[in-house]
Amino acid sequence: MSYYKYHVFFCTNKRTDGRDCCQDFDAKHMRDYVKSKIKKAGLAGQGGVRINTGGCLDRCELGPVLVIYPEAVWYTYVDKEDLDEIVNQHLQQDKIVERLLIK
């Protein structure tokens, strides 16, 4: 049994070589937004959800990206509304958000 039900990693990488990177989309701020939302909903901690910075997840060209374990489900997002949908559907209702899925 896993310590957390879901472990979410946000790519917050800032590349300096001109290639696309998740931080171009304010990924750190978006990670902080979700982390705060999870805490306010009482979902954080053991048996719940953990939100982490993942550094470079090496899929920035599809980004911004996040991955949710233990299922290894990869998502992209555009705005807070997309992140709200991931929180509400995936992290609270155990339903994959197909329209944001990266395959």
C-alpha atoms as a PDB file:
ATOM      1  CA  MET A   1       0.000   0.000   0.000  1.00  0.00           C
ATOM      2  CA  SER A   2       1.298   3.398  -0.972  1.00  0.00           C
ATOM      3  CA  TYR A   3       1.734   6.132   1.629  1.00  0.00           C
ATOM      4  CA  TYR A   4      -0.265   8.494  -0.631  1.00  0.00           C
ATOM      5  CA  LYS A   5      -3.274   7.605  -2.724  1.00  0.00           C
ATOM      6  CA  TYR A   6      -1.974   9.956  -5.414  1.00  0.00           C
ATOM      7  CA  HIS A   7       1.448  11.496  -5.877  1.00  0.00           C
ATOM      8  CA  VAL A   8       1.418  14.391  -8.373  1.00  0.00           C
ATOM      9  CA  PHE A   9       4.617  15.689  -9.957  1.00  0.00           C
ATOM     10  CA  PHE A  10       4.621  19.017 -11.813  1.00  0.00           C
ATOM     11  CA  CYS A  11       7.382  19.751 -14.280  1.00  0.00           C
ATOM     12  CA  THR A  12       8.634  23.212 -13.331  1.00  0.00           C
ATOM     13  CA  ASN A  13      11.757  23.160 -15.438  1.00  0.00           C
ATOM     14  CA  LYS A  14      13.215  26.309 -16.994  1.00  0.00           C
ATOM     15  CA  ARG A  15      15.396  25.464 -19.977  1.00  0.00           C
ATOM     16  CA  THR A  16      18.043  27.977 -20.953  1.00  0.00           C
ATOM     17  CA  ASP A  17      18.767  26.669 -24.454  1.00  0.00           C
ATOM     18  CA  GLY A  18      15.646  28.057 -26.151  1.00  0.00           C
ATOM     19  CA  ARG A  19      13.687  24.806 -26.208  1.00  0.00           C
ATOM     20  CA  ASP A  20      10.116  24.726 -24.876  1.00  0.00           C
ATOM     21  CA  CYS A  21       9.841  24.326 -21.122  1.00  0.00           C
ATOM     22  CA  CYS A  22       7.034  24.060 -18.635  1.00  0.00           C
ATOM     23  CA  GLN A  23       8.108  27.122 -16.674  1.00  0.00           C
ATOM     24  CA  ASP A  24       7.282  29.177 -19.790  1.00  0.00           C
ATOM     25  CA  PHE A  25       3.674  28.507 -18.691  1.00  0.00           C
ATOM     26  CA  ASP A  26       4.223  29.590 -15.060  1.00  0.00           C
ATOM     27  CA  ALA A  27       4.315  25.974 -13.905  1.00  0.00           C
ATOM     28  CA  LYS A  28       5.598  26.789 -10.410  1.00  0.00           C
ATOM     29  CA  HIS A  29       2.644  29.076  -9.776  1.00  0.00           C
ATOM     30  CA  MET A  30       0.253  26.437 -11.158  1.00  0.00           C
ATOM     31  CA  ARG A  31       1.818  23.793  -8.888  1.00  0.00           C
ATOM     32  CA  ASP A  32       1.373  26.117  -5.899  1.00  0.00           C
ATOM     33  CA  TYR A  33      -2.249  26.691  -6.918  1.00  0.00           C
ATOM     34  CA  VAL A  34      -3.022  22.950  -6.926  1.00  0.00           C
ATOM     35  CA  LYS A  35      -1.088  22.365  -3.702  1.00  0.00           C
ATOM     36  CA  SER A  36      -3.152  25.047  -1.959  1.00  0.00           C
ATOM     37  CA  LYS A  37      -6.387  23.656  -3.404  1.00  0.00           C
ATOM     38  CA  ILE A  38      -5.551  20.138  -2.163  1.00  0.00           C
ATOM     39  CA  LYS A  39      -4.738  21.417   1.325  1.00  0.00           C
ATOM     40  CA  LYS A  40      -7.926  23.488   1.526  1.00  0.00           C
ATOM     41  CA  ALA A  41      -9.984  20.466   0.456  1.00  0.00           C
ATOM     42  CA  GLY A  42      -8.424  18.366   3.234  1.00  0.00           C
ATOM     43  CA  LEU A  43      -6.933  15.938   0.722  1.00  0.00           C
ATOM     44  CA  ALA A  44      -3.259  16.408   1.620  1.00  0.00           C
ATOM     45  CA  GLY A  45      -1.217  13.952   3.640  1.00  0.00           C
ATOM     46  CA  GLN A  46      -1.051  10.245   4.336  1.00  0.00           C
ATOM     47  CA  GLY A  47      -3.652   8.288   2.404  1.00  0.00           C
ATOM     48  CA  GLY A  48      -4.427  11.374   0.341  1.00  0.00           C
ATOM     49  CA  VAL A  49      -2.637  13.503  -2.220  1.00  0.00           C
ATOM     50  CA  ARG A  50       0.920  14.815  -2.335  1.00  0.00           C
ATOM     51  CA  ILE A  51       1.832  17.618  -4.753  1.00  0.00           C
ATOM     52  CA  ASN A  52       5.524  17.867  -5.683  1.00  0.00           C
ATOM     53  CA  THR A  53       7.884  19.635  -8.009  1.00  0.00           C
ATOM     54  CA  GLY A  54       9.264  17.090 -10.409  1.00  0.00           C
ATOM     55  CA  GLY A  55      12.005  19.151 -11.977  1.00  0.00           C
ATOM     56  CA  CYS A  56      12.349  18.280 -15.638  1.00  0.00           C
ATOM     57  CA  LEU A  57      10.078  15.438 -16.688  1.00  0.00           C
ATOM     58  CA  ASP A  58      11.536  15.655 -20.226  1.00  0.00           C
ATOM     59  CA  ARG A  59       8.184  16.089 -21.973  1.00  0.00           C
ATOM     60  CA  CYS A  60       8.188  19.889 -22.046  1.00  0.00           C
ATOM     61  CA  GLU A  61       7.346  20.009 -25.749  1.00  0.00           C
ATOM     62  CA  LEU A  62       3.912  18.659 -24.731  1.00  0.00           C
ATOM     63  CA  GLY A  63       3.697  21.000 -21.781  1.00  0.00           C
ATOM     64  CA  PRO A  64       3.120  22.176 -19.396  1.00  0.00           C
ATOM     65  CA  VAL A  65       2.946  18.673 -17.961  1.00  0.00           C
ATOM     66  CA  LEU A  66       2.239  16.818 -14.758  1.00  0.00           C
ATOM     67  CA  VAL A  67       2.150  13.124 -13.951  1.00  0.00           C
ATOM     68  CA  ILE A  68       0.037  11.351 -11.347  1.00  0.00           C
ATOM     69  CA  TYR A  69       1.216   8.161  -9.675  1.00  0.00           C
ATOM     70  CA  PRO A  70       0.669   5.333  -8.972  1.00  0.00           C
ATOM     71  CA  GLU A  71      -1.103   5.083 -12.360  1.00  0.00           C
ATOM     72  CA  ALA A  72       1.544   7.098 -14.262  1.00  0.00           C
ATOM     73  CA  VAL A  73      -1.155   9.229 -15.900  1.00  0.00           C
ATOM     74  CA  TRP A  74       0.308  12.198 -17.793  1.00  0.00           C
ATOM     75  CA  TYR A  75      -1.622  15.426 -18.301  1.00  0.00           C
ATOM     76  CA  THR A  76      -1.118  18.760 -19.953  1.00  0.00           C
ATOM     77  CA  TYR A  77      -3.031  21.890 -18.960  1.00  0.00           C
ATOM     78  CA  VAL A  78      -3.567  25.433 -20.141  1.00  0.00           C
ATOM     79  CA  ASP A  79      -5.048  27.224 -17.159  1.00  0.00           C
ATOM     80  CA  LYS A  80      -6.416  26.886 -13.627  1.00  0.00           C
ATOM     81  CA  GLU A  81      -9.719  25.600 -14.976  1.00  0.00           C
ATOM     82  CA  ASP A  82      -7.897  22.606 -16.489  1.00  0.00           C
ATOM     83  CA  LEU A  83      -6.148  21.998 -13.173  1.00  0.00           C
ATOM     84  CA  ASP A  84      -9.466  22.272 -11.315  1.00  0.00           C
ATOM     85  CA  GLU A  85     -10.846  19.585 -13.613  1.00  0.00           C
ATOM     86  CA  ILE A  86      -7.877  17.290 -12.907  1.00  0.00           C
ATOM     87  CA  VAL A  87      -8.301  17.805  -9.154  1.00  0.00           C
ATOM     88  CA  ASN A  88     -12.073  17.334  -9.220  1.00  0.00           C
ATOM     89  CA  GLN A  89     -12.197  14.420 -11.625  1.00  0.00           C
ATOM     90  CA  HIS A  90      -8.966  12.477 -11.128  1.00  0.00           C
ATOM     91  CA  LEU A  91      -7.882  13.236  -7.572  1.00  0.00           C
ATOM     92  CA  GLN A  92     -11.348  13.369  -6.004  1.00  0.00           C
ATOM     93  CA  GLN A  93     -13.459  11.062  -8.187  1.00  0.00           C
ATOM     94  CA  ASP A  94     -10.820   8.670  -9.564  1.00  0.00           C
ATOM     95  CA  LYS A  95     -11.786   9.488 -13.176  1.00  0.00           C
ATOM     96  CA  ILE A  96      -9.222  10.197 -15.876  1.00  0.00           C
ATOM     97  CA  VAL A  97      -9.667  13.511 -17.688  1.00  0.00           C
ATOM     98  CA  GLU A  98      -9.413  12.244 -21.258  1.00  0.00           C
ATOM     99  CA  ARG A  99      -9.265  15.651 -22.959  1.00  0.00           C
ATOM    100  CA  LEU A 100      -6.080  16.621 -21.070  1.00  0.00           C
ATOM    101  CA  LEU A 101      -4.379  13.243 -21.264  1.00  0.00           C
ATOM    102  CA  ILE A 102      -0.939  12.849 -22.843  1.00  0.00           C
ATOM    103  CA  LYS A 103      -0.432   9.421 -24.356  1.00  0.00           C
END
